[in-house]
Amino acid sequence: MRVLLLTALCAALEAIALSAATVDGLRLQWAATGQGQKTIVLVHGWTCDSTSWEFQVPVLSRKYRVVTLDLPGHGRSQGPKDGHFSMDLFARAVESVRRQVGASRIVLVGHSMGTPVIRQYAREYPRRVAGLVLVDGLVSLPPGAAPSTADMSGPAGLKAREAMIRGMFTAQTPKPLQKQITEMMLHPPAATATGAMLATFDPSNWTDEVMTMPVLGIYADKSQLANREYSKKIFPAFDYVEIPGTGHFLMMEKPGEFNRLLSAFVDKIAY
């Protein structure tokens, strides 16, 4: 009986620790799995959540400590009441979770909007970054690019969001996976969809500073988001690979190949 009570107490204390991370008073949902010496932090994209990495956590946690979180306003994390989002807010949310985990240095993996998030983190906390992995993420804004956010509220806004999401799939993306991703991305409120999009397109994010840590770009088949020449300019230690037959959610469409590429990259990084 005593053993059972101690086990229950430890579980309760662990649950309290896992819910303790906050940023600007906002509660953050996060989890850490695995006991490896190297820590990987997986950062999801626009209107997604930590379930984006469901095919990575069980596999990667066999070798590494794997951390996932819901960014503010996404998943089960609280969002700012004023509806103002920024890459700085997201980066500080990641830092809050890193402190809770107690990892001195981390490999940051950012999917889609998660790419500018981890770049912002690397700007603000360079000593904490062992490496970056860009997962079909935007590294530069096309000339004249601007977010379309005027109709993200109400029924028309929801339809516009759904159309945007549909454009992230290919004919090879399994239908059940399309349904799962669509439901996930339509779950956050319009305030999150609008605010996070505005934060992504904020011109102050898109600077040309050079970052010298190891960087891997894993992109979808013939991805329109890739900019290899510019990526090599700002990331001198940059490697690029595409996974054939994938759409924007390549880590969910071909998890075996994705996990192999990510593991090979992390294994080469000296902590």
C-alpha atoms as a PDB file:
ATOM      1  CA  MET A   1       0.000   0.000   0.000  1.00  0.00           C
ATOM      2  CA  ARG A   2       2.826   2.394   0.877  1.00  0.00           C
ATOM      3  CA  VAL A   3       4.482   1.723  -2.485  1.00  0.00           C
ATOM      4  CA  LEU A   4       1.219   2.487  -4.284  1.00  0.00           C
ATOM      5  CA  LEU A   5       0.805   5.716  -2.352  1.00  0.00           C
ATOM      6  CA  LEU A   6       4.358   6.803  -3.126  1.00  0.00           C
ATOM      7  CA  THR A   7       3.849   5.984  -6.788  1.00  0.00           C
ATOM      8  CA  ALA A   8       0.658   8.023  -6.881  1.00  0.00           C
ATOM      9  CA  LEU A   9       2.361  10.924  -5.093  1.00  0.00           C
ATOM     10  CA  CYS A  10       5.267  10.916  -7.551  1.00  0.00           C
ATOM     11  CA  ALA A  11       2.844  10.885 -10.455  1.00  0.00           C
ATOM     12  CA  ALA A  12       0.928  13.805  -8.953  1.00  0.00           C
ATOM     13  CA  LEU A  13       4.123  15.804  -8.417  1.00  0.00           C
ATOM     14  CA  GLU A  14       5.204  15.094 -11.974  1.00  0.00           C
ATOM     15  CA  ALA A  15       1.839  16.290 -13.280  1.00  0.00           C
ATOM     16  CA  ILE A  16       2.202  19.505 -11.268  1.00  0.00           C
ATOM     17  CA  ALA A  17       5.677  20.058 -12.725  1.00  0.00           C
ATOM     18  CA  LEU A  18       4.420  19.482 -16.256  1.00  0.00           C
ATOM     19  CA  SER A  19       1.773  22.163 -15.847  1.00  0.00           C
ATOM     20  CA  ALA A  20       4.049  24.731 -14.203  1.00  0.00           C
ATOM     21  CA  ALA A  21       5.453  26.378 -17.336  1.00  0.00           C
ATOM     22  CA  THR A  22       3.978  29.803 -18.061  1.00  0.00           C
ATOM     23  CA  VAL A  23       4.714  32.802 -20.250  1.00  0.00           C
ATOM     24  CA  ASP A  24       3.258  36.235 -19.489  1.00  0.00           C
ATOM     25  CA  GLY A  25       0.957  34.511 -17.003  1.00  0.00           C
ATOM     26  CA  LEU A  26      -0.373  32.117 -19.657  1.00  0.00           C
ATOM     27  CA  ARG A  27      -0.416  28.418 -18.769  1.00  0.00           C
ATOM     28  CA  LEU A  28       1.466  26.245 -21.256  1.00  0.00           C
ATOM     29  CA  GLN A  29       0.737  22.616 -22.028  1.00  0.00           C
ATOM     30  CA  TRP A  30       3.897  20.567 -22.503  1.00  0.00           C
ATOM     31  CA  ALA A  31       5.370  17.128 -22.001  1.00  0.00           C
ATOM     32  CA  ALA A  32       8.794  15.489 -21.875  1.00  0.00           C
ATOM     33  CA  THR A  33       9.438  11.861 -22.814  1.00  0.00           C
ATOM     34  CA  GLY A  34      12.621   9.784 -22.728  1.00  0.00           C
ATOM     35  CA  GLN A  35      15.857   9.962 -20.755  1.00  0.00           C
ATOM     36  CA  GLY A  36      18.492  10.533 -23.439  1.00  0.00           C
ATOM     37  CA  GLN A  37      21.438  12.908 -22.955  1.00  0.00           C
ATOM     38  CA  LYS A  38      20.378  15.032 -25.929  1.00  0.00           C
ATOM     39  CA  THR A  39      17.135  17.010 -25.801  1.00  0.00           C
ATOM     40  CA  ILE A  40      14.948  17.670 -28.833  1.00  0.00           C
ATOM     41  CA  VAL A  41      12.185  20.292 -28.645  1.00  0.00           C
ATOM     42  CA  LEU A  42       9.445  19.841 -31.270  1.00  0.00           C
ATOM     43  CA  VAL A  43       7.607  23.060 -32.212  1.00  0.00           C
ATOM     44  CA  HIS A  44       4.379  22.805 -34.212  1.00  0.00           C
ATOM     45  CA  GLY A  45       3.030  25.134 -36.881  1.00  0.00           C
ATOM     46  CA  TRP A  46       0.193  27.617 -37.391  1.00  0.00           C
ATOM     47  CA  THR A  47      -3.094  26.536 -35.711  1.00  0.00           C
ATOM     48  CA  CYS A  48      -1.601  23.106 -34.989  1.00  0.00           C
ATOM     49  CA  ASP A  49      -0.623  21.547 -31.665  1.00  0.00           C
ATOM     50  CA  SER A  50       1.756  19.017 -30.173  1.00  0.00           C
ATOM     51  CA  THR A  51      -0.162  16.073 -31.654  1.00  0.00           C
ATOM     52  CA  SER A  52       1.547  17.001 -34.935  1.00  0.00           C
ATOM     53  CA  TRP A  53       4.475  14.989 -33.577  1.00  0.00           C
ATOM     54  CA  GLU A  54       2.606  11.840 -32.561  1.00  0.00           C
ATOM     55  CA  PHE A  55       4.704   9.708 -34.940  1.00  0.00           C
ATOM     56  CA  GLN A  56       7.978  11.146 -33.664  1.00  0.00           C
ATOM     57  CA  VAL A  57       7.736  11.054 -29.872  1.00  0.00           C
ATOM     58  CA  PRO A  58       7.512   7.259 -29.336  1.00  0.00           C
ATOM     59  CA  VAL A  59      10.417   6.582 -31.692  1.00  0.00           C
ATOM     60  CA  LEU A  60      12.775   9.457 -30.880  1.00  0.00           C
ATOM     61  CA  SER A  61      12.304   9.122 -27.111  1.00  0.00           C
ATOM     62  CA  ARG A  62      14.084   5.762 -27.248  1.00  0.00           C
ATOM     63  CA  LYS A  63      17.350   7.659 -27.786  1.00  0.00           C
ATOM     64  CA  TYR A  64      16.691  11.257 -26.742  1.00  0.00           C
ATOM     65  CA  ARG A  65      14.687  13.322 -24.323  1.00  0.00           C
ATOM     66  CA  VAL A  66      11.840  14.634 -26.474  1.00  0.00           C
ATOM     67  CA  VAL A  67       9.882  17.742 -25.487  1.00  0.00           C
ATOM     68  CA  THR A  68       6.620  18.894 -27.058  1.00  0.00           C
ATOM     69  CA  LEU A  69       4.517  21.933 -26.260  1.00  0.00           C
ATOM     70  CA  ASP A  70       1.408  23.750 -27.404  1.00  0.00           C
ATOM     71  CA  LEU A  71       2.334  27.318 -28.285  1.00  0.00           C
ATOM     72  CA  PRO A  72       0.228  30.074 -26.676  1.00  0.00           C
ATOM     73  CA  GLY A  73      -3.324  30.041 -28.029  1.00  0.00           C
ATOM     74  CA  HIS A  74      -2.855  26.605 -29.567  1.00  0.00           C
ATOM     75  CA  GLY A  75      -3.925  23.188 -28.322  1.00  0.00           C
ATOM     76  CA  ARG A  76      -4.397  23.294 -24.558  1.00  0.00           C
ATOM     77  CA  SER A  77      -2.204  26.327 -23.888  1.00  0.00           C
ATOM     78  CA  GLN A  78      -3.804  29.626 -22.954  1.00  0.00           C
ATOM     79  CA  GLY A  79      -3.770  32.506 -25.412  1.00  0.00           C
ATOM     80  CA  PRO A  80      -3.298  36.237 -24.772  1.00  0.00           C
ATOM     81  CA  LYS A  81      -6.558  37.969 -23.888  1.00  0.00           C
ATOM     82  CA  ASP A  82      -5.736  40.924 -26.114  1.00  0.00           C
ATOM     83  CA  GLY A  83      -5.254  38.609 -29.099  1.00  0.00           C
ATOM     84  CA  HIS A  84      -1.709  39.869 -29.692  1.00  0.00           C
ATOM     85  CA  PHE A  85       0.710  37.157 -30.757  1.00  0.00           C
ATOM     86  CA  SER A  86       4.373  37.490 -31.707  1.00  0.00           C
ATOM     87  CA  MET A  87       7.383  35.351 -32.485  1.00  0.00           C
ATOM     88  CA  ASP A  88       8.905  36.751 -29.285  1.00  0.00           C
ATOM     89  CA  LEU A  89       5.964  35.408 -27.254  1.00  0.00           C
ATOM     90  CA  PHE A  90       6.328  31.993 -28.871  1.00  0.00           C
ATOM     91  CA  ALA A  91      10.115  31.959 -28.351  1.00  0.00           C
ATOM     92  CA  ARG A  92       9.728  32.859 -24.680  1.00  0.00           C
ATOM     93  CA  ALA A  93       7.164  30.080 -24.319  1.00  0.00           C
ATOM     94  CA  VAL A  94       9.752  27.614 -25.618  1.00  0.00           C
ATOM     95  CA  GLU A  95      12.308  29.027 -23.188  1.00  0.00           C
ATOM     96  CA  SER A  96       9.896  28.651 -20.271  1.00  0.00           C
ATOM     97  CA  VAL A  97       9.481  24.976 -21.112  1.00  0.00           C
ATOM     98  CA  ARG A  98      13.249  24.507 -21.568  1.00  0.00           C
ATOM     99  CA  ARG A  99      13.813  25.861 -18.064  1.00  0.00           C
ATOM    100  CA  GLN A 100      11.249  23.458 -16.660  1.00  0.00           C
ATOM    101  CA  VAL A 101      12.937  20.546 -18.405  1.00  0.00           C
ATOM    102  CA  GLY A 102      16.351  21.669 -17.184  1.00  0.00           C
ATOM    103  CA  ALA A 103      18.159  21.094 -20.490  1.00  0.00           C
ATOM    104  CA  SER A 104      21.275  23.205 -20.921  1.00  0.00           C
ATOM    105  CA  ARG A 105      21.217  23.005 -24.734  1.00  0.00           C
ATOM    106  CA  ILE A 106      18.547  21.800 -27.129  1.00  0.00           C
ATOM    107  CA  VAL A 107      17.956  20.837 -30.738  1.00  0.00           C
ATOM    108  CA  LEU A 108      14.939  22.787 -31.962  1.00  0.00           C
ATOM    109  CA  VAL A 109      12.671  21.311 -34.629  1.00  0.00           C
ATOM    110  CA  GLY A 110      10.137  23.712 -36.143  1.00  0.00           C
ATOM    111  CA  HIS A 111       7.402  22.766 -38.591  1.00  0.00           C
ATOM    112  CA  SER A 112       5.882  25.449 -40.837  1.00  0.00           C
ATOM    113  CA  MET A 113       5.321  28.507 -38.590  1.00  0.00           C
ATOM    114  CA  GLY A 114       7.538  26.686 -36.117  1.00  0.00           C
ATOM    115  CA  THR A 115      10.509  27.586 -38.332  1.00  0.00           C
ATOM    116  CA  PRO A 116      10.331  31.350 -37.667  1.00  0.00           C
ATOM    117  CA  VAL A 117       9.595  30.486 -34.030  1.00  0.00           C
ATOM    118  CA  ILE A 118      12.828  28.541 -33.598  1.00  0.00           C
ATOM    119  CA  ARG A 119      14.789  31.187 -35.521  1.00  0.00           C
ATOM    120  CA  GLN A 120      13.487  33.790 -33.078  1.00  0.00           C
ATOM    121  CA  TYR A 121      14.447  31.529 -30.193  1.00  0.00           C
ATOM    122  CA  ALA A 122      17.966  31.207 -31.618  1.00  0.00           C
ATOM    123  CA  ARG A 123      18.210  35.013 -31.808  1.00  0.00           C
ATOM    124  CA  GLU A 124      17.167  35.472 -28.204  1.00  0.00           C
ATOM    125  CA  TYR A 125      18.827  32.440 -26.603  1.00  0.00           C
ATOM    126  CA  PRO A 126      21.779  31.473 -28.841  1.00  0.00           C
ATOM    127  CA  ARG A 127      23.723  29.762 -26.060  1.00  0.00           C
ATOM    128  CA  ARG A 128      20.892  27.289 -25.585  1.00  0.00           C
ATOM    129  CA  VAL A 129      20.784  26.113 -29.213  1.00  0.00           C
ATOM    130  CA  ALA A 130      22.760  23.050 -30.297  1.00  0.00           C
ATOM    131  CA  GLY A 131      21.078  22.832 -33.705  1.00  0.00           C
ATOM    132  CA  LEU A 132      18.009  23.762 -35.742  1.00  0.00           C
ATOM    133  CA  VAL A 133      15.781  21.631 -37.957  1.00  0.00           C
ATOM    134  CA  LEU A 134      13.489  23.439 -40.395  1.00  0.00           C
ATOM    135  CA  VAL A 135      10.521  21.275 -41.362  1.00  0.00           C
ATOM    136  CA  ASP A 136       8.952  22.629 -44.569  1.00  0.00           C
ATOM    137  CA  GLY A 137       9.212  26.074 -43.025  1.00  0.00           C
ATOM    138  CA  LEU A 138       9.390  29.549 -44.484  1.00  0.00           C
ATOM    139  CA  VAL A 139      12.830  31.192 -44.215  1.00  0.00           C
ATOM    140  CA  SER A 140      12.138  34.349 -46.230  1.00  0.00           C
ATOM    141  CA  LEU A 141       9.067  36.310 -47.278  1.00  0.00           C
ATOM    142  CA  PRO A 142       8.343  36.592 -50.999  1.00  0.00           C
ATOM    143  CA  PRO A 143       8.409  40.204 -52.251  1.00  0.00           C
ATOM    144  CA  GLY A 144       5.157  41.954 -51.418  1.00  0.00           C
ATOM    145  CA  ALA A 145       3.923  39.057 -49.268  1.00  0.00           C
ATOM    146  CA  ALA A 146       1.223  39.905 -46.754  1.00  0.00           C
ATOM    147  CA  PRO A 147      -1.155  37.808 -44.663  1.00  0.00           C
ATOM    148  CA  SER A 148      -4.811  37.491 -45.585  1.00  0.00           C
ATOM    149  CA  THR A 149      -6.540  37.701 -42.221  1.00  0.00           C
ATOM    150  CA  ALA A 150      -9.598  39.863 -42.817  1.00  0.00           C
ATOM    151  CA  ASP A 151     -11.994  36.947 -43.161  1.00  0.00           C
ATOM    152  CA  MET A 152     -10.763  34.450 -40.573  1.00  0.00           C
ATOM    153  CA  SER A 153     -13.733  34.991 -38.258  1.00  0.00           C
ATOM    154  CA  GLY A 154     -17.263  33.733 -38.772  1.00  0.00           C
ATOM    155  CA  PRO A 155     -18.451  31.014 -41.165  1.00  0.00           C
ATOM    156  CA  ALA A 156     -16.706  32.592 -44.160  1.00  0.00           C
ATOM    157  CA  GLY A 157     -13.438  32.758 -42.234  1.00  0.00           C
ATOM    158  CA  LEU A 158     -13.704  29.110 -41.252  1.00  0.00           C
ATOM    159  CA  LYS A 159     -14.227  28.135 -44.899  1.00  0.00           C
ATOM    160  CA  ALA A 160     -11.222  30.218 -45.913  1.00  0.00           C
ATOM    161  CA  ARG A 161      -9.082  28.492 -43.282  1.00  0.00           C
ATOM    162  CA  GLU A 162     -10.253  25.087 -44.462  1.00  0.00           C
ATOM    163  CA  ALA A 163      -9.388  25.949 -48.067  1.00  0.00           C
ATOM    164  CA  MET A 164      -5.922  27.007 -46.945  1.00  0.00           C
ATOM    165  CA  ILE A 165      -5.456  23.743 -45.097  1.00  0.00           C
ATOM    166  CA  ARG A 166      -6.601  21.669 -48.075  1.00  0.00           C
ATOM    167  CA  GLY A 167      -3.866  23.298 -50.114  1.00  0.00           C
ATOM    168  CA  MET A 168      -1.263  21.747 -47.808  1.00  0.00           C
ATOM    169  CA  PHE A 169      -2.102  18.219 -48.957  1.00  0.00           C
ATOM    170  CA  THR A 170      -1.201  16.290 -52.077  1.00  0.00           C
ATOM    171  CA  ALA A 171      -3.035  13.480 -53.813  1.00  0.00           C
ATOM    172  CA  GLN A 172      -0.761  11.116 -51.900  1.00  0.00           C
ATOM    173  CA  THR A 173      -1.725  12.416 -48.462  1.00  0.00           C
ATOM    174  CA  PRO A 174      -3.934   9.694 -46.910  1.00  0.00           C
ATOM    175  CA  LYS A 175      -7.547  10.777 -46.490  1.00  0.00           C
ATOM    176  CA  PRO A 176      -7.720   9.840 -42.779  1.00  0.00           C
ATOM    177  CA  LEU A 177      -4.620  11.954 -42.167  1.00  0.00           C
ATOM    178  CA  GLN A 178      -6.139  14.866 -44.088  1.00  0.00           C
ATOM    179  CA  LYS A 179      -9.216  14.669 -41.863  1.00  0.00           C
ATOM    180  CA  GLN A 180      -7.121  14.517 -38.678  1.00  0.00           C
ATOM    181  CA  ILE A 181      -4.995  17.503 -39.654  1.00  0.00           C
ATOM    182  CA  THR A 182      -7.970  19.562 -40.815  1.00  0.00           C
ATOM    183  CA  GLU A 183      -9.825  19.028 -37.543  1.00  0.00           C
ATOM    184  CA  MET A 184      -6.712  19.934 -35.548  1.00  0.00           C
ATOM    185  CA  MET A 185      -6.090  23.130 -37.500  1.00  0.00           C
ATOM    186  CA  LEU A 186      -9.701  24.297 -37.373  1.00  0.00           C
ATOM    187  CA  HIS A 187      -9.882  23.851 -33.605  1.00  0.00           C
ATOM    188  CA  PRO A 188      -8.173  27.094 -32.460  1.00  0.00           C
ATOM    189  CA  PRO A 189     -10.360  30.215 -32.335  1.00  0.00           C
ATOM    190  CA  ALA A 190     -10.281  32.855 -35.050  1.00  0.00           C
ATOM    191  CA  ALA A 191      -8.267  35.127 -32.739  1.00  0.00           C
ATOM    192  CA  THR A 192      -5.422  32.607 -32.726  1.00  0.00           C
ATOM    193  CA  ALA A 193      -5.615  32.017 -36.477  1.00  0.00           C
ATOM    194  CA  THR A 194      -5.494  35.745 -37.174  1.00  0.00           C
ATOM    195  CA  GLY A 195      -2.991  36.706 -34.492  1.00  0.00           C
ATOM    196  CA  ALA A 196      -0.527  33.921 -35.239  1.00  0.00           C
ATOM    197  CA  MET A 197      -0.676  34.680 -38.975  1.00  0.00           C
ATOM    198  CA  LEU A 198       0.008  38.361 -38.353  1.00  0.00           C
ATOM    199  CA  ALA A 199       2.909  37.398 -36.086  1.00  0.00           C
ATOM    200  CA  THR A 200       4.364  35.179 -38.802  1.00  0.00           C
ATOM    201  CA  PHE A 201       4.276  37.944 -41.420  1.00  0.00           C
ATOM    202  CA  ASP A 202       5.597  40.659 -39.111  1.00  0.00           C
ATOM    203  CA  PRO A 203       8.505  42.193 -41.094  1.00  0.00           C
ATOM    204  CA  SER A 204      10.638  42.488 -37.962  1.00  0.00           C
ATOM    205  CA  ASN A 205      11.018  38.671 -37.944  1.00  0.00           C
ATOM    206  CA  TRP A 206      12.676  38.505 -41.340  1.00  0.00           C
ATOM    207  CA  THR A 207      16.233  39.663 -40.823  1.00  0.00           C
ATOM    208  CA  ASP A 208      19.400  38.397 -42.504  1.00  0.00           C
ATOM    209  CA  GLU A 209      21.566  37.727 -39.471  1.00  0.00           C
ATOM    210  CA  VAL A 210      23.865  34.745 -39.862  1.00  0.00           C
ATOM    211  CA  MET A 211      23.548  31.788 -37.475  1.00  0.00           C
ATOM    212  CA  THR A 212      26.448  29.368 -37.334  1.00  0.00           C
ATOM    213  CA  MET A 213      24.946  26.378 -35.518  1.00  0.00           C
ATOM    214  CA  PRO A 214      24.246  23.157 -37.489  1.00  0.00           C
ATOM    215  CA  VAL A 215      20.978  23.456 -39.424  1.00  0.00           C
ATOM    216  CA  LEU A 216      19.033  20.817 -41.340  1.00  0.00           C
ATOM    217  CA  GLY A 217      16.171  21.603 -43.690  1.00  0.00           C
ATOM    218  CA  ILE A 218      13.729  18.737 -44.243  1.00  0.00           C
ATOM    219  CA  TYR A 219      11.240  19.747 -46.910  1.00  0.00           C
ATOM    220  CA  ALA A 220       8.256  18.335 -48.744  1.00  0.00           C
ATOM    221  CA  ASP A 221       8.544  17.065 -52.296  1.00  0.00           C
ATOM    222  CA  LYS A 222       9.275  20.089 -54.550  1.00  0.00           C
ATOM    223  CA  SER A 223       8.276  22.399 -51.708  1.00  0.00           C
ATOM    224  CA  GLN A 224       7.386  25.957 -52.642  1.00  0.00           C
ATOM    225  CA  LEU A 225       8.562  27.099 -49.208  1.00  0.00           C
ATOM    226  CA  ALA A 226      12.168  26.098 -49.739  1.00  0.00           C
ATOM    227  CA  ASN A 227      14.802  28.726 -50.485  1.00  0.00           C
ATOM    228  CA  ARG A 228      18.061  26.803 -50.534  1.00  0.00           C
ATOM    229  CA  GLU A 229      20.285  29.641 -51.720  1.00  0.00           C
ATOM    230  CA  TYR A 230      19.084  32.065 -49.056  1.00  0.00           C
ATOM    231  CA  SER A 231      19.118  29.376 -46.356  1.00  0.00           C
ATOM    232  CA  LYS A 232      22.761  28.655 -47.104  1.00  0.00           C
ATOM    233  CA  LYS A 233      23.499  32.380 -46.843  1.00  0.00           C
ATOM    234  CA  ILE A 234      22.055  32.804 -43.363  1.00  0.00           C
ATOM    235  CA  PHE A 235      22.934  29.275 -42.162  1.00  0.00           C
ATOM    236  CA  PRO A 236      26.496  28.475 -43.348  1.00  0.00           C
ATOM    237  CA  ALA A 237      26.251  24.991 -41.798  1.00  0.00           C
ATOM    238  CA  PHE A 238      23.048  24.166 -43.693  1.00  0.00           C
ATOM    239  CA  ASP A 239      22.049  20.800 -45.170  1.00  0.00           C
ATOM    240  CA  TYR A 240      18.927  20.313 -47.265  1.00  0.00           C
ATOM    241  CA  VAL A 241      16.845  17.269 -48.099  1.00  0.00           C
ATOM    242  CA  GLU A 242      13.411  16.621 -49.582  1.00  0.00           C
ATOM    243  CA  ILE A 243      11.231  13.613 -48.837  1.00  0.00           C
ATOM    244  CA  PRO A 244       9.640  12.459 -52.112  1.00  0.00           C
ATOM    245  CA  GLY A 245       5.888  11.969 -52.269  1.00  0.00           C
ATOM    246  CA  THR A 246       5.019  14.227 -49.357  1.00  0.00           C
ATOM    247  CA  GLY A 247       2.969  17.352 -48.729  1.00  0.00           C
ATOM    248  CA  HIS A 248       3.364  19.978 -46.032  1.00  0.00           C
ATOM    249  CA  PHE A 249       2.916  17.512 -43.143  1.00  0.00           C
ATOM    250  CA  LEU A 250       5.805  15.301 -44.241  1.00  0.00           C
ATOM    251  CA  MET A 251       6.629  14.170 -40.689  1.00  0.00           C
ATOM    252  CA  MET A 252       3.144  12.619 -40.460  1.00  0.00           C
ATOM    253  CA  GLU A 253       2.977  11.370 -44.038  1.00  0.00           C
ATOM    254  CA  LYS A 254       6.328   9.558 -44.058  1.00  0.00           C
ATOM    255  CA  PRO A 255       7.378   9.381 -40.405  1.00  0.00           C
ATOM    256  CA  GLY A 256       9.897   6.572 -40.880  1.00  0.00           C
ATOM    257  CA  GLU A 257      11.989   8.551 -43.356  1.00  0.00           C
ATOM    258  CA  PHE A 258      11.575  11.767 -41.379  1.00  0.00           C
ATOM    259  CA  ASN A 259      12.647  10.158 -38.093  1.00  0.00           C
ATOM    260  CA  ARG A 260      15.690   8.597 -39.766  1.00  0.00           C
ATOM    261  CA  LEU A 261      16.851  11.942 -41.166  1.00  0.00           C
ATOM    262  CA  LEU A 262      16.270  13.767 -37.892  1.00  0.00           C
ATOM    263  CA  SER A 263      18.060  11.122 -35.814  1.00  0.00           C
ATOM    264  CA  ALA A 264      21.076  11.124 -38.126  1.00  0.00           C
ATOM    265  CA  PHE A 265      21.335  14.899 -37.770  1.00  0.00           C
ATOM    266  CA  VAL A 266      21.005  14.895 -33.971  1.00  0.00           C
ATOM    267  CA  ASP A 267      23.560  12.103 -33.623  1.00  0.00           C
ATOM    268  CA  LYS A 268      26.187  14.228 -35.396  1.00  0.00           C
ATOM    269  CA  ILE A 269      25.733  17.237 -33.093  1.00  0.00           C
ATOM    270  CA  ALA A 270      28.328  17.600 -30.355  1.00  0.00           C
ATOM    271  CA  TYR A 271      26.823  18.846 -27.094  1.00  0.00           C
END
